[in-house]
mmCIF file of all heavy atoms, coordinates in Angstrom:
data_MODEL
# 
_entry.id   MODEL 
# 
loop_
_atom_site.group_PDB 
_atom_site.id 
_atom_site.type_symbol 
_atom_site.label_atom_id 
_atom_site.label_alt_id 
_atom_site.label_comp_id 
_atom_site.label_asym_id 
_atom_site.label_entity_id 
_atom_site.label_seq_id 
_atom_site.pdbx_PDB_ins_code 
_atom_site.Cartn_x 
_atom_site.Cartn_y 
_atom_site.Cartn_z 
_atom_site.occupancy 
_atom_site.B_iso_or_equiv 
_atom_site.pdbx_formal_charge 
_atom_site.auth_seq_id 
_atom_site.auth_comp_id 
_atom_site.auth_asym_id 
_atom_site.auth_atom_id 
_atom_site.pdbx_PDB_model_num 
ATOM 1   N N   . SER A 1 1  ? 74.876  107.390 89.183 1.00 0.00 ? 1  SER A N   1 
ATOM 2   C CA  . SER A 1 1  ? 75.730  108.421 89.855 1.00 0.00 ? 1  SER A CA  1 
ATOM 3   C C   . SER A 1 1  ? 77.100  108.125 89.583 1.00 0.00 ? 1  SER A C   1 
ATOM 4   O O   . SER A 1 1  ? 77.482  106.938 89.314 1.00 0.00 ? 1  SER A O   1 
ATOM 5   C CB  . SER A 1 1  ? 75.401  108.435 91.357 1.00 0.00 ? 1  SER A CB  1 
ATOM 6   O OG  . SER A 1 1  ? 75.973  107.259 91.982 1.00 0.00 ? 1  SER A OG  1 
ATOM 7   N N   . VAL A 1 2  ? 77.975  109.113 89.600 1.00 0.00 ? 2  VAL A N   1 
ATOM 8   C CA  . VAL A 1 2  ? 79.465  108.916 89.387 1.00 0.00 ? 2  VAL A CA  1 
ATOM 9   C C   . VAL A 1 2  ? 80.031  107.923 90.447 1.00 0.00 ? 2  VAL A C   1 
ATOM 10  O O   . VAL A 1 2  ? 80.746  107.003 90.084 1.00 0.00 ? 2  VAL A O   1 
ATOM 11  C CB  . VAL A 1 2  ? 80.189  110.229 89.444 1.00 0.00 ? 2  VAL A CB  1 
ATOM 12  C CG1 . VAL A 1 2  ? 81.711  109.925 89.371 1.00 0.00 ? 2  VAL A CG1 1 
ATOM 13  C CG2 . VAL A 1 2  ? 79.731  111.107 88.379 1.00 0.00 ? 2  VAL A CG2 1 
ATOM 14  N N   . PHE A 1 3  ? 79.525  108.086 91.715 1.00 0.00 ? 3  PHE A N   1 
ATOM 15  C CA  . PHE A 1 3  ? 80.042  107.199 92.776 1.00 0.00 ? 3  PHE A CA  1 
ATOM 16  C C   . PHE A 1 3  ? 79.629  105.748 92.481 1.00 0.00 ? 3  PHE A C   1 
ATOM 17  O O   . PHE A 1 3  ? 80.510  104.866 92.638 1.00 0.00 ? 3  PHE A O   1 
ATOM 18  C CB  . PHE A 1 3  ? 79.443  107.692 94.091 1.00 0.00 ? 3  PHE A CB  1 
ATOM 19  C CG  . PHE A 1 3  ? 79.703  106.795 95.261 1.00 0.00 ? 3  PHE A CG  1 
ATOM 20  C CD1 . PHE A 1 3  ? 81.061  106.626 95.764 1.00 0.00 ? 3  PHE A CD1 1 
ATOM 21  C CD2 . PHE A 1 3  ? 78.677  106.070 95.867 1.00 0.00 ? 3  PHE A CD2 1 
ATOM 22  C CE1 . PHE A 1 3  ? 81.297  105.730 96.863 1.00 0.00 ? 3  PHE A CE1 1 
ATOM 23  C CE2 . PHE A 1 3  ? 78.967  105.232 96.863 1.00 0.00 ? 3  PHE A CE2 1 
ATOM 24  C CZ  . PHE A 1 3  ? 80.259  105.052 97.360 1.00 0.00 ? 3  PHE A CZ  1 
ATOM 25  N N   . ALA A 1 4  ? 78.431  105.514 92.134 1.00 0.00 ? 4  ALA A N   1 
ATOM 26  C CA  . ALA A 1 4  ? 77.921  104.175 91.894 1.00 0.00 ? 4  ALA A CA  1 
ATOM 27  C C   . ALA A 1 4  ? 78.739  103.474 90.726 1.00 0.00 ? 4  ALA A C   1 
ATOM 28  O O   . ALA A 1 4  ? 79.132  102.361 90.891 1.00 0.00 ? 4  ALA A O   1 
ATOM 29  C CB  . ALA A 1 4  ? 76.486  104.105 91.692 1.00 0.00 ? 4  ALA A CB  1 
ATOM 30  N N   . TRP A 1 5  ? 78.877  104.264 89.722 1.00 0.00 ? 5  TRP A N   1 
ATOM 31  C CA  . TRP A 1 5  ? 79.544  103.668 88.524 1.00 0.00 ? 5  TRP A CA  1 
ATOM 32  C C   . TRP A 1 5  ? 81.168  103.437 88.814 1.00 0.00 ? 5  TRP A C   1 
ATOM 33  O O   . TRP A 1 5  ? 81.698  102.526 88.343 1.00 0.00 ? 5  TRP A O   1 
ATOM 34  C CB  . TRP A 1 5  ? 79.444  104.592 87.308 1.00 0.00 ? 5  TRP A CB  1 
ATOM 35  C CG  . TRP A 1 5  ? 78.173  104.360 86.593 1.00 0.00 ? 5  TRP A CG  1 
ATOM 36  C CD1 . TRP A 1 5  ? 77.129  105.270 86.516 1.00 0.00 ? 5  TRP A CD1 1 
ATOM 37  C CD2 . TRP A 1 5  ? 77.791  103.162 85.915 1.00 0.00 ? 5  TRP A CD2 1 
ATOM 38  N NE1 . TRP A 1 5  ? 76.043  104.564 85.759 1.00 0.00 ? 5  TRP A NE1 1 
ATOM 39  C CE2 . TRP A 1 5  ? 76.441  103.377 85.339 1.00 0.00 ? 5  TRP A CE2 1 
ATOM 40  C CE3 . TRP A 1 5  ? 78.331  101.899 85.688 1.00 0.00 ? 5  TRP A CE3 1 
ATOM 41  C CZ2 . TRP A 1 5  ? 75.736  102.400 84.693 1.00 0.00 ? 5  TRP A CZ2 1 
ATOM 42  C CZ3 . TRP A 1 5  ? 77.684  100.976 84.956 1.00 0.00 ? 5  TRP A CZ3 1 
ATOM 43  C CH2 . TRP A 1 5  ? 76.401  101.132 84.500 1.00 0.00 ? 5  TRP A CH2 1 
ATOM 44  N N   . VAL A 1 6  ? 81.703  104.333 89.606 1.00 0.00 ? 6  VAL A N   1 
ATOM 45  C CA  . VAL A 1 6  ? 83.104  104.081 89.951 1.00 0.00 ? 6  VAL A CA  1 
ATOM 46  C C   . VAL A 1 6  ? 83.319  102.822 90.795 1.00 0.00 ? 6  VAL A C   1 
ATOM 47  O O   . VAL A 1 6  ? 84.146  102.018 90.471 1.00 0.00 ? 6  VAL A O   1 
ATOM 48  C CB  . VAL A 1 6  ? 83.625  105.363 90.726 1.00 0.00 ? 6  VAL A CB  1 
ATOM 49  C CG1 . VAL A 1 6  ? 84.952  105.014 91.453 1.00 0.00 ? 6  VAL A CG1 1 
ATOM 50  C CG2 . VAL A 1 6  ? 83.860  106.560 89.809 1.00 0.00 ? 6  VAL A CG2 1 
ATOM 51  N N   . ILE A 1 7  ? 82.429  102.644 91.842 1.00 0.00 ? 7  ILE A N   1 
ATOM 52  C CA  . ILE A 1 7  ? 82.461  101.527 92.570 1.00 0.00 ? 7  ILE A CA  1 
ATOM 53  C C   . ILE A 1 7  ? 82.239  100.247 91.734 1.00 0.00 ? 7  ILE A C   1 
ATOM 54  O O   . ILE A 1 7  ? 82.991  99.200  91.815 1.00 0.00 ? 7  ILE A O   1 
ATOM 55  C CB  . ILE A 1 7  ? 81.490  101.522 93.747 1.00 0.00 ? 7  ILE A CB  1 
ATOM 56  C CG1 . ILE A 1 7  ? 81.766  102.670 94.660 1.00 0.00 ? 7  ILE A CG1 1 
ATOM 57  C CG2 . ILE A 1 7  ? 81.486  100.147 94.525 1.00 0.00 ? 7  ILE A CG2 1 
ATOM 58  C CD1 . ILE A 1 7  ? 83.179  102.563 95.289 1.00 0.00 ? 7  ILE A CD1 1 
ATOM 59  N N   . ALA A 1 8  ? 81.219  100.253 90.860 1.00 0.00 ? 8  ALA A N   1 
ATOM 60  C CA  . ALA A 1 8  ? 80.927  99.146  89.968 1.00 0.00 ? 8  ALA A CA  1 
ATOM 61  C C   . ALA A 1 8  ? 82.063  98.718  89.092 1.00 0.00 ? 8  ALA A C   1 
ATOM 62  O O   . ALA A 1 8  ? 82.487  97.530  89.005 1.00 0.00 ? 8  ALA A O   1 
ATOM 63  C CB  . ALA A 1 8  ? 79.643  99.399  89.175 1.00 0.00 ? 8  ALA A CB  1 
ATOM 64  N N   . VAL A 1 9  ? 82.647  99.709  88.416 1.00 0.00 ? 9  VAL A N   1 
ATOM 65  C CA  . VAL A 1 9  ? 83.788  99.490  87.536 1.00 0.00 ? 9  VAL A CA  1 
ATOM 66  C C   . VAL A 1 9  ? 84.953  98.898  88.265 1.00 0.00 ? 9  VAL A C   1 
ATOM 67  O O   . VAL A 1 9  ? 85.596  97.940  87.780 1.00 0.00 ? 9  VAL A O   1 
ATOM 68  C CB  . VAL A 1 9  ? 84.166  100.844 86.833 1.00 0.00 ? 9  VAL A CB  1 
ATOM 69  C CG1 . VAL A 1 9  ? 85.491  100.652 86.094 1.00 0.00 ? 9  VAL A CG1 1 
ATOM 70  C CG2 . VAL A 1 9  ? 83.095  101.246 85.840 1.00 0.00 ? 9  VAL A CG2 1 
ATOM 71  N N   . TRP A 1 10 ? 85.311  99.428  89.450 1.00 0.00 ? 10 TRP A N   1 
ATOM 72  C CA  . TRP A 1 10 ? 86.483  98.966  90.173 1.00 0.00 ? 10 TRP A CA  1 
ATOM 73  C C   . TRP A 1 10 ? 86.218  97.621  90.761 1.00 0.00 ? 10 TRP A C   1 
ATOM 74  O O   . TRP A 1 10 ? 87.164  96.814  90.997 1.00 0.00 ? 10 TRP A O   1 
ATOM 75  C CB  . TRP A 1 10 ? 86.966  100.005 91.177 1.00 0.00 ? 10 TRP A CB  1 
ATOM 76  C CG  . TRP A 1 10 ? 87.727  101.054 90.515 1.00 0.00 ? 10 TRP A CG  1 
ATOM 77  C CD1 . TRP A 1 10 ? 87.356  102.309 90.126 1.00 0.00 ? 10 TRP A CD1 1 
ATOM 78  C CD2 . TRP A 1 10 ? 89.054  100.920 90.167 1.00 0.00 ? 10 TRP A CD2 1 
ATOM 79  N NE1 . TRP A 1 10 ? 88.304  102.977 89.478 1.00 0.00 ? 10 TRP A NE1 1 
ATOM 80  C CE2 . TRP A 1 10 ? 89.486  102.195 89.564 1.00 0.00 ? 10 TRP A CE2 1 
ATOM 81  C CE3 . TRP A 1 10 ? 90.104  99.986  90.294 1.00 0.00 ? 10 TRP A CE3 1 
ATOM 82  C CZ2 . TRP A 1 10 ? 90.765  102.456 88.981 1.00 0.00 ? 10 TRP A CZ2 1 
ATOM 83  C CZ3 . TRP A 1 10 ? 91.423  100.277 89.804 1.00 0.00 ? 10 TRP A CZ3 1 
ATOM 84  C CH2 . TRP A 1 10 ? 91.730  101.450 89.140 1.00 0.00 ? 10 TRP A CH2 1 
ATOM 85  N N   . LEU A 1 11 ? 84.993  97.267  91.119 1.00 0.00 ? 11 LEU A N   1 
ATOM 86  C CA  . LEU A 1 11 ? 84.681  95.906  91.562 1.00 0.00 ? 11 LEU A CA  1 
ATOM 87  C C   . LEU A 1 11 ? 84.896  94.887  90.407 1.00 0.00 ? 11 LEU A C   1 
ATOM 88  O O   . LEU A 1 11 ? 85.432  93.757  90.682 1.00 0.00 ? 11 LEU A O   1 
ATOM 89  C CB  . LEU A 1 11 ? 83.286  95.802  92.132 1.00 0.00 ? 11 LEU A CB  1 
ATOM 90  C CG  . LEU A 1 11 ? 83.083  96.508  93.472 1.00 0.00 ? 11 LEU A CG  1 
ATOM 91  C CD1 . LEU A 1 11 ? 81.603  96.216  94.022 1.00 0.00 ? 11 LEU A CD1 1 
ATOM 92  C CD2 . LEU A 1 11 ? 84.093  96.144  94.561 1.00 0.00 ? 11 LEU A CD2 1 
ATOM 93  N N   . TRP A 1 12 ? 84.450  95.268  89.269 1.00 0.00 ? 12 TRP A N   1 
ATOM 94  C CA  . TRP A 1 12 ? 84.698  94.462  88.141 1.00 0.00 ? 12 TRP A CA  1 
ATOM 95  C C   . TRP A 1 12 ? 86.238  94.296  87.811 1.00 0.00 ? 12 TRP A C   1 
ATOM 96  O O   . TRP A 1 12 ? 86.651  93.190  87.535 1.00 0.00 ? 12 TRP A O   1 
ATOM 97  C CB  . TRP A 1 12 ? 83.994  94.957  86.843 1.00 0.00 ? 12 TRP A CB  1 
ATOM 98  C CG  . TRP A 1 12 ? 82.532  94.675  86.760 1.00 0.00 ? 12 TRP A CG  1 
ATOM 99  C CD1 . TRP A 1 12 ? 81.450  95.530  86.830 1.00 0.00 ? 12 TRP A CD1 1 
ATOM 100 C CD2 . TRP A 1 12 ? 81.891  93.313  86.657 1.00 0.00 ? 12 TRP A CD2 1 
ATOM 101 N NE1 . TRP A 1 12 ? 80.295  94.906  86.773 1.00 0.00 ? 12 TRP A NE1 1 
ATOM 102 C CE2 . TRP A 1 12 ? 80.508  93.534  86.726 1.00 0.00 ? 12 TRP A CE2 1 
ATOM 103 C CE3 . TRP A 1 12 ? 82.391  92.074  86.576 1.00 0.00 ? 12 TRP A CE3 1 
ATOM 104 C CZ2 . TRP A 1 12 ? 79.628  92.469  86.484 1.00 0.00 ? 12 TRP A CZ2 1 
ATOM 105 C CZ3 . TRP A 1 12 ? 81.520  90.959  86.428 1.00 0.00 ? 12 TRP A CZ3 1 
ATOM 106 C CH2 . TRP A 1 12 ? 80.093  91.185  86.435 1.00 0.00 ? 12 TRP A CH2 1 
ATOM 107 N N   . LEU A 1 13 ? 86.869  95.338  87.957 1.00 0.00 ? 13 LEU A N   1 
ATOM 108 C CA  . LEU A 1 13 ? 88.345  95.442  87.732 1.00 0.00 ? 13 LEU A CA  1 
ATOM 109 C C   . LEU A 1 13 ? 89.021  94.433  88.782 1.00 0.00 ? 13 LEU A C   1 
ATOM 110 O O   . LEU A 1 13 ? 90.075  93.806  88.488 1.00 0.00 ? 13 LEU A O   1 
ATOM 111 C CB  . LEU A 1 13 ? 89.011  96.778  87.786 1.00 0.00 ? 13 LEU A CB  1 
ATOM 112 C CG  . LEU A 1 13 ? 88.665  97.636  86.572 1.00 0.00 ? 13 LEU A CG  1 
ATOM 113 C CD1 . LEU A 1 13 ? 89.234  99.072  86.763 1.00 0.00 ? 13 LEU A CD1 1 
ATOM 114 C CD2 . LEU A 1 13 ? 89.241  97.015  85.288 1.00 0.00 ? 13 LEU A CD2 1 
ATOM 115 N N   . THR A 1 14 ? 88.478  94.562  89.965 1.00 0.00 ? 14 THR A N   1 
ATOM 116 C CA  . THR A 1 14 ? 88.988  93.638  91.085 1.00 0.00 ? 14 THR A CA  1 
ATOM 117 C C   . THR A 1 14 ? 88.936  92.114  90.645 1.00 0.00 ? 14 THR A C   1 
ATOM 118 O O   . THR A 1 14 ? 89.888  91.390  90.828 1.00 0.00 ? 14 THR A O   1 
ATOM 119 C CB  . THR A 1 14 ? 88.294  93.904  92.356 1.00 0.00 ? 14 THR A CB  1 
ATOM 120 O OG1 . THR A 1 14 ? 88.446  95.221  92.708 1.00 0.00 ? 14 THR A OG1 1 
ATOM 121 C CG2 . THR A 1 14 ? 88.912  93.042  93.473 1.00 0.00 ? 14 THR A CG2 1 
ATOM 122 N N   . SER A 1 15 ? 87.789  91.728  90.115 1.00 0.00 ? 15 SER A N   1 
ATOM 123 C CA  . SER A 1 15 ? 87.514  90.394  89.666 1.00 0.00 ? 15 SER A CA  1 
ATOM 124 C C   . SER A 1 15 ? 88.483  90.150  88.421 1.00 0.00 ? 15 SER A C   1 
ATOM 125 O O   . SER A 1 15 ? 89.090  89.031  88.459 1.00 0.00 ? 15 SER A O   1 
ATOM 126 C CB  . SER A 1 15 ? 86.059  90.243  89.227 1.00 0.00 ? 15 SER A CB  1 
ATOM 127 O OG  . SER A 1 15 ? 85.178  90.469  90.294 1.00 0.00 ? 15 SER A OG  1 
ATOM 128 N N   . VAL A 1 16 ? 88.606  90.986  87.565 1.00 0.00 ? 16 VAL A N   1 
ATOM 129 C CA  . VAL A 1 16 ? 89.543  90.830  86.389 1.00 0.00 ? 16 VAL A CA  1 
ATOM 130 C C   . VAL A 1 16 ? 90.913  90.631  86.813 1.00 0.00 ? 16 VAL A C   1 
ATOM 131 O O   . VAL A 1 16 ? 91.698  89.826  86.346 1.00 0.00 ? 16 VAL A O   1 
ATOM 132 C CB  . VAL A 1 16 ? 89.330  91.894  85.371 1.00 0.00 ? 16 VAL A CB  1 
ATOM 133 C CG1 . VAL A 1 16 ? 90.348  91.775  84.287 1.00 0.00 ? 16 VAL A CG1 1 
ATOM 134 C CG2 . VAL A 1 16 ? 87.929  91.873  84.789 1.00 0.00 ? 16 VAL A CG2 1 
ATOM 135 N N   . PHE A 1 17 ? 91.404  91.512  87.727 1.00 0.00 ? 17 PHE A N   1 
ATOM 136 C CA  . PHE A 1 17 ? 92.734  91.533  88.207 1.00 0.00 ? 17 PHE A CA  1 
ATOM 137 C C   . PHE A 1 17 ? 93.086  90.178  88.843 1.00 0.00 ? 17 PHE A C   1 
ATOM 138 O O   . PHE A 1 17 ? 94.186  89.566  88.742 1.00 0.00 ? 17 PHE A O   1 
ATOM 139 C CB  . PHE A 1 17 ? 93.076  92.690  89.110 1.00 0.00 ? 17 PHE A CB  1 
ATOM 140 C CG  . PHE A 1 17 ? 93.094  93.991  88.318 1.00 0.00 ? 17 PHE A CG  1 
ATOM 141 C CD1 . PHE A 1 17 ? 92.925  95.166  89.082 1.00 0.00 ? 17 PHE A CD1 1 
ATOM 142 C CD2 . PHE A 1 17 ? 93.241  94.079  87.033 1.00 0.00 ? 17 PHE A CD2 1 
ATOM 143 C CE1 . PHE A 1 17 ? 92.958  96.457  88.419 1.00 0.00 ? 17 PHE A CE1 1 
ATOM 144 C CE2 . PHE A 1 17 ? 93.175  95.267  86.355 1.00 0.00 ? 17 PHE A CE2 1 
ATOM 145 C CZ  . PHE A 1 17 ? 93.065  96.480  87.017 1.00 0.00 ? 17 PHE A CZ  1 
ATOM 146 N N   . ALA A 1 18 ? 92.149  89.695  89.669 1.00 0.00 ? 18 ALA A N   1 
ATOM 147 C CA  . ALA A 1 18 ? 92.295  88.424  90.392 1.00 0.00 ? 18 ALA A CA  1 
ATOM 148 C C   . ALA A 1 18 ? 92.456  87.266  89.334 1.00 0.00 ? 18 ALA A C   1 
ATOM 149 O O   . ALA A 1 18 ? 93.348  86.467  89.434 1.00 0.00 ? 18 ALA A O   1 
ATOM 150 C CB  . ALA A 1 18 ? 91.112  88.118  91.306 1.00 0.00 ? 18 ALA A CB  1 
ATOM 151 N N   . ASN A 1 19 ? 91.575  87.319  88.312 1.00 0.00 ? 19 ASN A N   1 
ATOM 152 C CA  . ASN A 1 19 ? 91.813  86.274  87.292 1.00 0.00 ? 19 ASN A CA  1 
ATOM 153 C C   . ASN A 1 19 ? 92.970  86.509  86.430 1.00 0.00 ? 19 ASN A C   1 
ATOM 154 O O   . ASN A 1 19 ? 93.560  85.479  85.988 1.00 0.00 ? 19 ASN A O   1 
ATOM 155 C CB  . ASN A 1 19 ? 90.525  86.433  86.336 1.00 0.00 ? 19 ASN A CB  1 
ATOM 156 C CG  . ASN A 1 19 ? 89.203  86.004  86.953 1.00 0.00 ? 19 ASN A CG  1 
ATOM 157 O OD1 . ASN A 1 19 ? 89.219  85.210  87.936 1.00 0.00 ? 19 ASN A OD1 1 
ATOM 158 N ND2 . ASN A 1 19 ? 88.077  86.490  86.429 1.00 0.00 ? 19 ASN A ND2 1 
ATOM 159 N N   . LEU A 1 20 ? 93.508  87.683  86.360 1.00 0.00 ? 20 LEU A N   1 
ATOM 160 C CA  . LEU A 1 20 ? 94.675  87.958  85.571 1.00 0.00 ? 20 LEU A CA  1 
ATOM 161 C C   . LEU A 1 20 ? 95.916  87.389  86.271 1.00 0.00 ? 20 LEU A C   1 
ATOM 162 O O   . LEU A 1 20 ? 96.793  86.781  85.507 1.00 0.00 ? 20 LEU A O   1 
ATOM 163 C CB  . LEU A 1 20 ? 94.844  89.545  85.406 1.00 0.00 ? 20 LEU A CB  1 
ATOM 164 C CG  . LEU A 1 20 ? 95.981  89.901  84.529 1.00 0.00 ? 20 LEU A CG  1 
ATOM 165 C CD1 . LEU A 1 20 ? 95.736  89.500  83.037 1.00 0.00 ? 20 LEU A CD1 1 
ATOM 166 C CD2 . LEU A 1 20 ? 96.157  91.402  84.552 1.00 0.00 ? 20 LEU A CD2 1 
ATOM 167 N N   . SER A 1 21 ? 95.948  87.371  87.550 1.00 0.00 ? 21 SER A N   1 
ATOM 168 C CA  . SER A 1 21 ? 97.087  86.819  88.250 1.00 0.00 ? 21 SER A CA  1 
ATOM 169 C C   . SER A 1 21 ? 97.189  85.283  87.915 1.00 0.00 ? 21 SER A C   1 
ATOM 170 O O   . SER A 1 21 ? 98.238  84.686  87.781 1.00 0.00 ? 21 SER A O   1 
ATOM 171 C CB  . SER A 1 21 ? 97.023  86.925  89.757 1.00 0.00 ? 21 SER A CB  1 
ATOM 172 O OG  . SER A 1 21 ? 95.958  86.315  90.288 1.00 0.00 ? 21 SER A OG  1 
ATOM 173 N N   . GLU A 1 22 ? 95.966  84.638  87.951 1.00 0.00 ? 22 GLU A N   1 
ATOM 174 C CA  . GLU A 1 22 ? 95.985  83.179  87.725 1.00 0.00 ? 22 GLU A CA  1 
ATOM 175 C C   . GLU A 1 22 ? 96.241  82.927  86.184 1.00 0.00 ? 22 GLU A C   1 
ATOM 176 O O   . GLU A 1 22 ? 96.981  82.013  85.870 1.00 0.00 ? 22 GLU A O   1 
ATOM 177 C CB  . GLU A 1 22 ? 94.549  82.617  88.069 1.00 0.00 ? 22 GLU A CB  1 
ATOM 178 C CG  . GLU A 1 22 ? 94.495  81.148  87.804 1.00 0.00 ? 22 GLU A CG  1 
ATOM 179 C CD  . GLU A 1 22 ? 93.080  80.566  88.236 1.00 0.00 ? 22 GLU A CD  1 
ATOM 180 O OE1 . GLU A 1 22 ? 92.275  81.405  88.634 1.00 0.00 ? 22 GLU A OE1 1 
ATOM 181 O OE2 . GLU A 1 22 ? 92.911  79.389  88.180 1.00 0.00 ? 22 GLU A OE2 1 
ATOM 182 N N   . ALA A 1 23 ? 95.752  83.834  85.319 1.00 0.00 ? 23 ALA A N   1 
ATOM 183 C CA  . ALA A 1 23 ? 95.950  83.603  83.938 1.00 0.00 ? 23 ALA A CA  1 
ATOM 184 C C   . ALA A 1 23 ? 97.392  83.765  83.560 1.00 0.00 ? 23 ALA A C   1 
ATOM 185 O O   . ALA A 1 23 ? 97.886  83.103  82.597 1.00 0.00 ? 23 ALA A O   1 
ATOM 186 C CB  . ALA A 1 23 ? 95.053  84.638  83.113 1.00 0.00 ? 23 ALA A CB  1 
ATOM 187 N N   . VAL A 1 24 ? 98.040  84.838  84.148 1.00 0.00 ? 24 VAL A N   1 
ATOM 188 C CA  . VAL A 1 24 ? 99.498  84.993  83.834 1.00 0.00 ? 24 VAL A CA  1 
ATOM 189 C C   . VAL A 1 24 ? 100.306 83.761  84.311 1.00 0.00 ? 24 VAL A C   1 
ATOM 190 O O   . VAL A 1 24 ? 101.218 83.320  83.556 1.00 0.00 ? 24 VAL A O   1 
ATOM 191 C CB  . VAL A 1 24 ? 99.977  86.205  84.504 1.00 0.00 ? 24 VAL A CB  1 
ATOM 192 C CG1 . VAL A 1 24 ? 101.534 86.329  84.491 1.00 0.00 ? 24 VAL A CG1 1 
ATOM 193 C CG2 . VAL A 1 24 ? 99.384  87.489  83.840 1.00 0.00 ? 24 VAL A CG2 1 
ATOM 194 N N   . ALA A 1 25 ? 100.008 83.280  85.485 1.00 0.00 ? 25 ALA A N   1 
ATOM 195 C CA  . ALA A 1 25 ? 100.696 82.036  85.978 1.00 0.00 ? 25 ALA A CA  1 
ATOM 196 C C   . ALA A 1 25 ? 100.410 80.892  85.096 1.00 0.00 ? 25 ALA A C   1 
ATOM 197 O O   . ALA A 1 25 ? 101.453 80.115  84.690 1.00 0.00 ? 25 ALA A O   1 
ATOM 198 C CB  . ALA A 1 25 ? 100.291 81.741  87.407 1.00 0.00 ? 25 ALA A CB  1 
ATOM 199 N N   . GLU A 1 26 ? 99.210  80.671  84.643 1.00 0.00 ? 26 GLU A N   1 
ATOM 200 C CA  . GLU A 1 26 ? 98.939  79.585  83.766 1.00 0.00 ? 26 GLU A CA  1 
ATOM 201 C C   . GLU A 1 26 ? 99.568  79.843  82.349 1.00 0.00 ? 26 GLU A C   1 
ATOM 202 O O   . GLU A 1 26 ? 99.998  78.945  81.674 1.00 0.00 ? 26 GLU A O   1 
ATOM 203 C CB  . GLU A 1 26 ? 97.446  79.426  83.580 1.00 0.00 ? 26 GLU A CB  1 
ATOM 204 C CG  . GLU A 1 26 ? 96.814  78.801  84.778 1.00 0.00 ? 26 GLU A CG  1 
ATOM 205 C CD  . GLU A 1 26 ? 95.329  78.708  84.635 1.00 0.00 ? 26 GLU A CD  1 
ATOM 206 O OE1 . GLU A 1 26 ? 94.727  79.285  83.640 1.00 0.00 ? 26 GLU A OE1 1 
ATOM 207 O OE2 . GLU A 1 26 ? 94.652  78.145  85.546 1.00 0.00 ? 26 GLU A OE2 1 
# 
């Protein structure tokens, strides 16, 4: 469903963005 895929994609992006903050600092 569109809803399920939107939530899945943005949860993955949340993980990536969290890692991105650490990666930029490093």
